Amino acid sequence: MTTSVQTQVARQDVVAPRRRRRRRASDAEAPDRGILSRADWRRPHVRILGAVLNVLLGIALVAAGLLPLLWLLKSAVTPTQETLTQPLAFFPTDWAWSNIERAWNDVHIGSFFFNTIAMAAGSWAVQLLVATTGGFALAVLRPKYGKIISGLVLATLFIPAVVLLVPLYLTILHPPLIGHSLINTFWAVWLPAGASAFNVLLVMRFFESLPREIFEAARTDGAGTFRLFWSIVLPMSRPILGVVSILAINAAWADFLWPNLVLTDISIQPLSVRLPQIASSTDLGVYLAALTIATLIPVVIFLVFQRAFLNSGGIGGAVKG
């Protein structure tokens, strides 16, 4: 027993220097992928300076991202005169909570707020439907002409969106097979939003990364195309669905040009269209309160879906074992 232990210790004494030499050799052969080399990072003053710079850079990024939003929140409950005289004050000397009430009731922000929700929800549903079904057909079903369609879809990304405004407007004005114009209806915003080549390609690439063994096993068990799509592919695709949802809702919430063209009726206009129109005739404090209401929802949506957005590179634990 003692002899075997001694033998193991002797082997470890021989192997350990070899491992250290290999590690040093690999470190020496590995290229330095940064401004400073590994030898520089071993110096104490360089490590301290690097840590300080990282902290300062992080604080600067947080300040650049949060300070405008915090200023907007503060100005929404600040009297207009104080905002004009002391715009950079950290806290208001007097609170004007009535700005939010006036923005919701007098300016009727509530109506435009629900119009925006309806427009964003419909755009999200149409984009999700087109992206998932298109990506499923190209990545999972893989028809013979799938590569040609993928190339054509990719080619549409190189066409400037401004070039498509006139033909798209004429199509909405005189849609085929329907017989009447879609102007001043939410369908004029929902249907064009579904034609997002970027979302189709994004979902298609994600579906291609899923293990095809699962699809083949489902086919063997008798699953049809709809069953494969609804019960197998969609439950495995929650991360990418979260990403598409964030992109679709934020794009619809902030879109101005297209809704301004097709939604000329004030009663159905969203916030992105109505707010610029009332800027010149509305009290500044009330207007900033209306902007605050319009800004909070996208922030909340991102906070809810941030994990799905950050984990979109994998399949989110859909496959186990």
Protein backbone atom coordinates (compact mmCIF):
# COMPACT_ATOMS: atom_id res chain seq x y z
CA MET A 1 0.00 0.00 0.00
CA THR A 2 2.81 2.39 0.91
CA THR A 3 4.68 1.53 -2.27
CA SER A 4 1.69 2.32 -4.48
CA VAL A 5 1.17 5.67 -2.76
CA GLN A 6 4.81 6.55 -3.21
CA THR A 7 4.59 5.56 -6.87
CA GLN A 8 1.56 7.83 -7.40
CA VAL A 9 3.33 10.72 -5.69
CA ALA A 10 6.39 10.21 -7.84
CA ARG A 11 4.27 10.18 -10.98
CA GLN A 12 2.57 13.42 -9.94
CA ASP A 13 5.98 15.01 -9.31
CA VAL A 14 6.98 14.07 -12.84
CA VAL A 15 3.71 15.01 -14.54
CA ALA A 16 3.19 18.35 -12.75
CA PRO A 17 6.33 20.05 -14.18
CA ARG A 18 5.34 18.82 -17.63
CA ARG A 19 1.88 20.35 -17.30
CA ARG A 20 3.38 23.63 -16.11
CA ARG A 21 5.78 23.69 -19.06
CA ARG A 22 2.94 22.97 -21.50
CA ARG A 23 0.83 25.70 -19.93
CA ARG A 24 3.66 28.21 -20.20
CA ALA A 25 4.31 27.17 -23.80
CA SER A 26 0.64 27.55 -24.69
CA ASP A 27 0.53 30.95 -22.99
CA ALA A 28 3.62 32.00 -24.92
CA GLU A 29 2.19 30.79 -28.23
CA ALA A 30 -1.25 32.33 -27.68
CA PRO A 31 -1.48 35.79 -29.26
CA ASP A 32 -2.23 38.84 -27.13
CA ARG A 33 -5.71 40.00 -28.15
CA GLY A 34 -5.66 43.45 -26.64
CA ILE A 35 -3.81 46.72 -26.33
CA LEU A 36 -1.87 45.40 -23.32
CA SER A 37 -0.05 42.09 -23.24
CA ARG A 38 -0.18 39.52 -20.45
CA ALA A 39 3.15 40.76 -19.17
CA ASP A 40 1.74 44.27 -18.87
CA TRP A 41 -1.31 43.03 -16.97
CA ARG A 42 0.97 41.34 -14.43
CA ARG A 43 2.25 44.75 -13.34
CA PRO A 44 0.39 46.05 -10.25
CA HIS A 45 0.01 49.64 -11.44
CA VAL A 46 -1.37 48.49 -14.81
CA ARG A 47 -3.99 46.28 -13.10
CA ILE A 48 -5.05 49.12 -10.79
CA LEU A 49 -5.27 51.62 -13.65
CA GLY A 50 -7.25 49.12 -15.75
CA ALA A 51 -9.72 48.49 -12.93
CA VAL A 52 -10.21 52.23 -12.38
CA LEU A 53 -10.79 52.83 -16.09
CA ASN A 54 -13.31 49.97 -16.24
CA VAL A 55 -15.26 51.43 -13.32
CA LEU A 56 -15.21 54.95 -14.81
CA LEU A 57 -16.32 53.63 -18.20
CA GLY A 58 -19.16 51.67 -16.61
CA ILE A 59 -20.33 54.75 -14.69
CA ALA A 60 -20.19 56.84 -17.89
CA LEU A 61 -22.26 54.29 -19.82
CA VAL A 62 -24.87 54.05 -17.07
CA ALA A 63 -25.06 57.84 -16.83
CA ALA A 64 -25.43 58.23 -20.60
CA GLY A 65 -28.25 55.69 -20.63
CA LEU A 66 -30.15 56.65 -17.49
CA LEU A 67 -29.69 60.39 -17.06
CA PRO A 68 -31.95 61.44 -19.99
CA LEU A 69 -34.69 59.10 -18.74
CA LEU A 70 -34.32 60.33 -15.14
CA TRP A 71 -34.41 63.94 -16.32
CA LEU A 72 -37.61 63.23 -18.23
CA LEU A 73 -39.19 61.62 -15.17
CA LYS A 74 -38.19 64.57 -13.02
CA SER A 75 -39.44 67.16 -15.52
CA ALA A 76 -42.80 65.39 -15.84
CA VAL A 77 -43.64 66.34 -12.24
CA THR A 78 -41.95 69.77 -12.26
CA PRO A 79 -43.76 73.05 -12.95
CA THR A 80 -43.09 74.45 -16.40
CA GLN A 81 -41.54 77.69 -15.15
CA GLU A 82 -39.05 75.83 -12.99
CA THR A 83 -38.13 73.53 -15.87
CA LEU A 84 -37.41 76.57 -18.04
CA THR A 85 -35.40 78.46 -15.40
CA GLN A 86 -33.57 75.51 -13.78
CA PRO A 87 -33.55 72.67 -16.31
CA LEU A 88 -30.54 70.89 -14.76
CA ALA A 89 -31.74 70.87 -11.16
CA PHE A 90 -31.55 67.44 -9.56
CA PHE A 91 -34.87 67.72 -7.69
CA PRO A 92 -37.82 70.07 -8.20
CA THR A 93 -38.53 72.59 -5.48
CA ASP A 94 -42.24 72.18 -6.10
CA TRP A 95 -44.02 69.05 -7.31
CA ALA A 96 -46.59 69.30 -10.10
CA TRP A 97 -48.30 65.90 -10.10
CA SER A 98 -51.19 67.49 -11.95
CA ASN A 99 -49.09 67.38 -15.14
CA ILE A 100 -49.65 63.64 -15.43
CA GLU A 101 -53.38 63.99 -14.80
CA ARG A 102 -53.69 66.77 -17.36
CA ALA A 103 -51.68 64.80 -19.91
CA TRP A 104 -53.99 61.81 -19.47
CA ASN A 105 -57.32 63.68 -19.39
CA ASP A 106 -57.02 67.12 -21.01
CA VAL A 107 -54.68 66.15 -23.84
CA HIS A 108 -56.41 62.74 -24.13
CA ILE A 109 -53.11 60.87 -24.02
CA GLY A 110 -55.05 57.87 -22.72
CA SER A 111 -56.86 57.42 -26.04
CA PHE A 112 -53.66 57.69 -28.07
CA PHE A 113 -51.96 55.41 -25.56
CA PHE A 114 -54.46 52.61 -26.19
CA ASN A 115 -54.23 53.26 -29.94
CA THR A 116 -50.49 52.69 -29.66
CA ILE A 117 -51.03 49.47 -27.71
CA ALA A 118 -53.46 48.19 -30.36
CA MET A 119 -51.09 49.11 -33.18
CA ALA A 120 -48.06 47.55 -31.46
CA ALA A 121 -49.94 44.38 -30.47
CA GLY A 122 -51.22 43.81 -34.00
CA SER A 123 -47.80 44.48 -35.54
CA TRP A 124 -46.23 42.09 -33.05
CA ALA A 125 -48.73 39.32 -33.82
CA VAL A 126 -48.37 39.65 -37.60
CA GLN A 127 -44.56 39.80 -37.48
CA LEU A 128 -44.39 36.80 -35.17
CA LEU A 129 -46.74 34.80 -37.40
CA VAL A 130 -44.85 35.58 -40.60
CA ALA A 131 -41.38 35.15 -39.06
CA THR A 132 -42.10 31.80 -37.39
CA THR A 133 -43.98 30.23 -40.30
CA GLY A 134 -41.48 31.53 -42.87
CA GLY A 135 -38.50 30.43 -40.80
CA PHE A 136 -40.11 27.05 -40.17
CA ALA A 137 -40.74 26.45 -43.87
CA LEU A 138 -37.21 27.43 -44.91
CA ALA A 139 -35.22 25.90 -42.05
CA VAL A 140 -37.21 22.82 -40.99
CA LEU A 141 -39.24 21.74 -44.02
CA ARG A 142 -36.43 22.72 -46.42
CA PRO A 143 -38.16 22.72 -49.82
CA LYS A 144 -36.09 22.35 -52.99
CA TYR A 145 -36.48 26.02 -53.83
CA GLY A 146 -35.79 27.12 -50.23
CA LYS A 147 -32.34 28.54 -50.96
CA ILE A 148 -33.73 30.66 -53.80
CA ILE A 149 -36.42 32.09 -51.54
CA SER A 150 -33.87 32.72 -48.78
CA GLY A 151 -31.69 34.60 -51.25
CA LEU A 152 -34.62 36.70 -52.44
CA VAL A 153 -35.63 37.50 -48.86
CA LEU A 154 -32.04 38.48 -48.08
CA ALA A 155 -31.93 40.68 -51.18
CA THR A 156 -34.85 42.77 -49.92
CA LEU A 157 -32.69 43.95 -47.02
CA PHE A 158 -30.55 45.92 -49.49
CA ILE A 159 -33.52 47.97 -50.71
CA PRO A 160 -33.86 51.30 -48.83
CA ALA A 161 -37.13 51.57 -46.95
CA VAL A 162 -37.79 55.06 -48.35
CA VAL A 163 -37.89 53.65 -51.88
CA LEU A 164 -40.77 51.36 -50.91
CA LEU A 165 -42.99 54.08 -49.43
CA VAL A 166 -44.78 55.07 -52.65
CA PRO A 167 -45.55 51.54 -53.96
CA LEU A 168 -46.52 50.38 -50.48
CA TYR A 169 -48.83 53.37 -50.01
CA LEU A 170 -50.50 52.72 -53.37
CA THR A 171 -50.95 49.07 -52.43
CA ILE A 172 -52.65 50.03 -49.17
CA LEU A 173 -54.74 52.64 -50.97
CA HIS A 174 -55.94 50.11 -53.57
CA PRO A 175 -55.27 46.65 -52.11
CA PRO A 176 -55.80 43.70 -54.47
CA LEU A 177 -58.71 41.29 -53.88
CA ILE A 178 -60.20 43.45 -51.09
CA GLY A 179 -61.91 46.15 -53.10
CA HIS A 180 -61.66 49.05 -50.63
CA SER A 181 -58.88 51.15 -49.14
CA LEU A 182 -57.16 50.25 -45.87
CA ILE A 183 -56.28 53.87 -45.07
CA ASN A 184 -57.28 54.92 -41.52
CA THR A 185 -57.40 51.31 -40.35
CA PHE A 186 -54.85 49.49 -38.22
CA TRP A 187 -54.52 46.89 -40.99
CA ALA A 188 -52.60 49.51 -42.97
CA VAL A 189 -49.90 49.31 -40.28
CA TRP A 190 -50.18 45.64 -39.31
CA LEU A 191 -49.87 44.04 -42.73
CA PRO A 192 -46.75 45.93 -43.96
CA ALA A 193 -45.10 45.27 -40.58
CA GLY A 194 -45.31 41.53 -41.23
CA ALA A 195 -43.10 41.85 -44.30
CA SER A 196 -39.93 41.96 -42.22
CA ALA A 197 -37.16 40.06 -43.99
CA PHE A 198 -34.83 40.55 -41.05
CA ASN A 199 -37.16 38.73 -38.65
CA VAL A 200 -37.68 35.85 -41.09
CA LEU A 201 -33.93 35.36 -41.55
CA LEU A 202 -33.29 35.71 -37.82
CA VAL A 203 -35.85 33.04 -36.94
CA MET A 204 -34.69 30.84 -39.81
CA ARG A 205 -31.09 30.85 -38.56
CA PHE A 206 -32.28 29.94 -35.08
CA PHE A 207 -34.41 27.07 -36.37
CA GLU A 208 -31.42 25.76 -38.33
CA SER A 209 -29.46 25.49 -35.07
CA LEU A 210 -32.04 23.19 -33.50
CA PRO A 211 -31.16 19.45 -33.52
CA ARG A 212 -32.83 17.76 -36.48
CA GLU A 213 -32.87 14.43 -34.61
CA ILE A 214 -35.86 15.73 -32.65
CA PHE A 215 -37.73 16.54 -35.86
CA GLU A 216 -36.99 13.13 -37.30
CA ALA A 217 -38.13 11.41 -34.09
CA ALA A 218 -41.36 13.42 -34.15
CA ARG A 219 -41.93 12.45 -37.77
CA THR A 220 -41.36 8.81 -36.87
CA ASP A 221 -43.96 9.09 -34.10
CA GLY A 222 -46.49 10.33 -36.64
CA ALA A 223 -46.38 14.09 -36.06
CA GLY A 224 -47.64 16.13 -39.00
CA THR A 225 -46.36 19.50 -40.17
CA PHE A 226 -48.65 21.57 -37.93
CA ARG A 227 -47.99 19.32 -34.93
CA LEU A 228 -44.25 19.57 -35.52
CA PHE A 229 -44.46 23.35 -35.71
CA TRP A 230 -46.81 23.91 -32.76
CA SER A 231 -45.67 21.24 -30.27
CA ILE A 232 -41.98 20.79 -31.08
CA VAL A 233 -40.45 23.86 -32.73
CA LEU A 234 -42.26 26.70 -30.96
CA PRO A 235 -41.64 25.44 -27.38
CA MET A 236 -37.93 25.17 -28.23
CA SER A 237 -37.85 28.68 -29.68
CA ARG A 238 -38.79 30.84 -26.72
CA PRO A 239 -35.51 32.82 -26.74
CA ILE A 240 -35.80 33.89 -30.36
CA LEU A 241 -39.52 34.61 -29.93
CA GLY A 242 -38.59 36.99 -27.11
CA VAL A 243 -36.04 38.73 -29.34
CA VAL A 244 -38.51 39.15 -32.21
CA SER A 245 -41.13 40.41 -29.74
CA ILE A 246 -38.80 43.09 -28.40
CA LEU A 247 -37.77 44.25 -31.87
CA ALA A 248 -41.34 44.24 -33.19
CA ILE A 249 -42.94 46.09 -30.27
CA ASN A 250 -40.21 48.71 -29.96
CA ALA A 251 -40.24 49.35 -33.71
CA ALA A 252 -44.03 49.72 -33.76
CA TRP A 253 -44.01 51.92 -30.65
CA ALA A 254 -41.50 54.36 -32.12
CA ASP A 255 -42.62 54.31 -35.78
CA PHE A 256 -43.68 57.75 -36.99
CA LEU A 257 -43.44 58.07 -40.78
CA TRP A 258 -45.66 55.21 -41.94
CA PRO A 259 -48.46 55.67 -39.35
CA ASN A 260 -48.41 59.39 -40.12
CA LEU A 261 -49.08 58.59 -43.79
CA VAL A 262 -51.83 55.99 -43.43
CA LEU A 263 -53.52 57.05 -40.15
CA THR A 264 -54.78 60.55 -40.89
CA ASP A 265 -57.80 60.20 -38.60
CA ILE A 266 -56.88 61.71 -35.22
CA SER A 267 -59.09 59.26 -33.30
CA ILE A 268 -56.88 56.27 -34.24
CA GLN A 269 -53.45 57.92 -34.27
CA PRO A 270 -50.73 56.52 -31.95
CA LEU A 271 -48.57 58.50 -29.57
CA SER A 272 -45.63 58.64 -31.97
CA VAL A 273 -47.80 60.58 -34.45
CA ARG A 274 -49.93 62.64 -32.10
CA LEU A 275 -47.27 63.89 -29.69
CA PRO A 276 -45.29 65.93 -32.28
CA GLN A 277 -48.56 67.49 -33.46
CA ILE A 278 -49.51 68.82 -30.02
CA ALA A 279 -46.03 69.98 -28.99
CA SER A 280 -46.51 73.61 -30.01
CA SER A 281 -49.96 73.97 -28.41
CA THR A 282 -49.38 72.15 -25.11
CA ASP A 283 -47.85 73.33 -21.85
CA LEU A 284 -44.26 72.12 -21.55
CA GLY A 285 -44.77 70.30 -18.25
CA VAL A 286 -47.86 68.52 -19.56
CA TYR A 287 -46.04 67.63 -22.77
CA LEU A 288 -43.09 66.16 -20.85
CA ALA A 289 -45.54 64.15 -18.75
CA ALA A 290 -47.06 62.78 -21.96
CA LEU A 291 -43.58 61.86 -23.21
CA THR A 292 -42.93 60.06 -19.92
CA ILE A 293 -46.07 57.96 -20.33
CA ALA A 294 -45.03 57.09 -23.89
CA THR A 295 -41.51 56.12 -22.78
CA LEU A 296 -42.23 53.88 -19.80
CA ILE A 297 -43.86 51.00 -21.72
CA PRO A 298 -40.85 50.16 -23.98
CA VAL A 299 -38.60 50.24 -20.92
CA VAL A 300 -40.88 47.84 -19.04
CA ILE A 301 -41.07 45.54 -22.07
CA PHE A 302 -37.29 45.34 -22.28
CA LEU A 303 -36.96 44.63 -18.57
CA VAL A 304 -39.49 41.80 -18.88
CA PHE A 305 -37.86 40.19 -21.94
CA GLN A 306 -34.21 41.02 -21.27
CA ARG A 307 -33.33 37.46 -20.24
CA ALA A 308 -34.82 36.05 -23.43
CA PHE A 309 -32.95 38.69 -25.43
CA LEU A 310 -29.59 38.01 -23.79
CA ASN A 311 -30.01 34.21 -23.98
CA SER A 312 -31.02 34.21 -27.63
CA GLY A 313 -27.76 32.61 -28.67
CA GLY A 314 -28.83 29.20 -27.37
CA ILE A 315 -31.95 27.13 -27.30
CA GLY A 316 -32.68 28.10 -23.72
CA GLY A 317 -32.57 24.63 -22.18
CA ALA A 318 -35.13 23.18 -24.57
CA VAL A 319 -33.01 20.06 -25.14
CA LYS A 320 -31.87 18.03 -22.16
CA GLY A 321 -29.88 14.86 -21.96
